Amino acid sequence: MRVISSVVIIISLFGFTIIENLSADSYRCGRKLIRTGDSSRDVIRVCGEPGYKDRGYAKIKIEGVLQKTRVERWYYQKSKRSLERVILIYRGVVAGIKVGTRD
């Protein structure tokens, strides 16, 4: 019985670690999807202007290597009850999509 409870604890801790670093491969705007690799023009065409933009640093894959680099962050939130999405733009291309928090 002790082994089972240890396994449950380990799985729970692993789950919380994953939740902290949630990222998405795509973001749905209406009937269309935005994916990593799409241009920033495509994002505006499909999703419209973001609610907020800023610049900062993020770890993204550049030529297959994870690097910390300067990116633009575009924030989208469909409604007050939905989770915010942060689209990371690097050199005019979607480099990543992160799941934010509710306000």
Protein backbone atom coordinates (compact mmCIF):
# COMPACT_ATOMS: atom_id res chain seq x y z
CA MET A 1 0.00 0.00 0.00
CA ARG A 2 2.89 2.30 0.75
CA VAL A 3 4.27 1.89 -2.79
CA ILE A 4 0.94 2.93 -4.30
CA SER A 5 0.77 6.12 -2.23
CA SER A 6 4.36 6.97 -3.21
CA VAL A 7 3.51 6.53 -6.88
CA VAL A 8 0.43 8.76 -6.52
CA ILE A 9 2.54 11.49 -4.89
CA ILE A 10 5.19 11.32 -7.63
CA ILE A 11 2.57 11.48 -10.39
CA SER A 12 0.87 14.43 -8.69
CA LEU A 13 4.13 16.37 -8.41
CA PHE A 14 4.92 15.65 -12.04
CA GLY A 15 1.45 16.89 -13.03
CA PHE A 16 1.92 20.19 -11.21
CA THR A 17 5.24 20.71 -12.98
CA ILE A 18 3.57 20.26 -16.35
CA ILE A 19 0.76 22.67 -15.47
CA GLU A 20 3.30 25.38 -14.62
CA ASN A 21 4.77 25.25 -18.12
CA LEU A 22 1.66 24.90 -20.25
CA SER A 23 2.19 25.64 -23.87
CA ALA A 24 0.00 25.11 -26.88
CA ASP A 25 0.83 24.06 -30.41
CA SER A 26 -2.00 26.12 -31.85
CA TYR A 27 -4.61 28.73 -31.03
CA ARG A 28 -8.09 28.79 -32.53
CA CYS A 29 -9.50 32.10 -33.72
CA GLY A 30 -13.02 31.49 -34.94
CA ARG A 31 -12.79 28.64 -37.44
CA LYS A 32 -9.09 29.05 -38.20
CA LEU A 33 -5.95 27.97 -36.34
CA ILE A 34 -2.75 29.85 -35.69
CA ARG A 35 0.28 27.57 -35.39
CA THR A 36 3.96 27.89 -34.66
CA GLY A 37 5.65 28.96 -37.90
CA ASP A 38 2.79 31.18 -39.12
CA SER A 39 3.64 34.78 -39.95
CA SER A 40 2.63 37.65 -37.68
CA ARG A 41 0.55 38.99 -40.61
CA ASP A 42 -1.42 35.72 -40.61
CA VAL A 43 -2.08 36.13 -36.88
CA ILE A 44 -3.50 39.63 -37.38
CA ARG A 45 -5.51 38.54 -40.41
CA VAL A 46 -7.07 35.59 -38.56
CA CYS A 47 -7.27 36.82 -34.95
CA GLY A 48 -7.20 40.60 -35.30
CA GLU A 49 -5.02 42.93 -33.28
CA PRO A 50 -3.99 41.59 -29.87
CA GLY A 51 -5.43 43.08 -26.70
CA TYR A 52 -1.93 43.93 -25.55
CA LYS A 53 1.66 43.69 -26.83
CA ASP A 54 5.00 43.83 -25.05
CA ARG A 55 8.60 42.74 -25.51
CA GLY A 56 10.76 40.55 -23.37
CA TYR A 57 12.79 37.38 -23.28
CA ALA A 58 11.58 33.82 -23.69
CA LYS A 59 13.09 30.40 -24.33
CA ILE A 60 12.20 29.33 -27.86
CA LYS A 61 13.61 26.89 -30.38
CA ILE A 62 15.78 28.56 -32.98
CA GLU A 63 17.01 26.17 -35.67
CA GLY A 64 16.16 23.26 -33.36
CA VAL A 65 18.05 24.62 -30.35
CA LEU A 66 16.30 26.00 -27.25
CA GLN A 67 17.60 29.53 -26.66
CA LYS A 68 16.63 32.49 -24.52
CA THR A 69 16.07 35.40 -26.88
CA ARG A 70 14.15 38.64 -27.23
CA VAL A 71 10.58 38.21 -28.51
CA GLU A 72 7.36 40.15 -28.88
CA ARG A 73 4.48 38.82 -26.79
CA TRP A 74 0.96 39.26 -28.16
CA TYR A 75 -1.86 38.68 -25.69
CA TYR A 76 -5.27 37.36 -26.73
CA GLN A 77 -8.27 36.53 -24.55
CA LYS A 78 -11.60 35.52 -26.09
CA SER A 79 -13.66 36.36 -23.00
CA LYS A 80 -13.23 37.20 -19.33
CA ARG A 81 -13.81 33.52 -18.49
CA SER A 82 -11.34 32.07 -20.99
CA LEU A 83 -7.64 31.53 -20.50
CA GLU A 84 -5.35 34.09 -22.02
CA ARG A 85 -3.06 33.04 -24.87
CA VAL A 86 0.35 34.60 -25.32
CA ILE A 87 1.72 34.34 -28.84
CA LEU A 88 5.50 34.69 -28.99
CA ILE A 89 6.70 36.43 -32.15
CA TYR A 90 10.34 36.14 -33.23
CA ARG A 91 11.43 37.91 -36.43
CA GLY A 92 7.85 38.17 -37.72
CA VAL A 93 7.02 34.49 -37.15
CA VAL A 94 5.06 32.70 -34.42
CA ALA A 95 7.76 31.04 -32.30
CA GLY A 96 5.45 29.71 -29.59
CA ILE A 97 2.03 29.88 -28.01
CA LYS A 98 1.69 29.88 -24.24
CA VAL A 99 -1.41 29.43 -22.13
CA GLY A 100 -1.77 32.29 -19.67
CA THR A 101 -3.98 32.66 -16.64
CA ARG A 102 -7.47 33.95 -16.05
CA ASP A 103 -7.77 37.53 -14.85
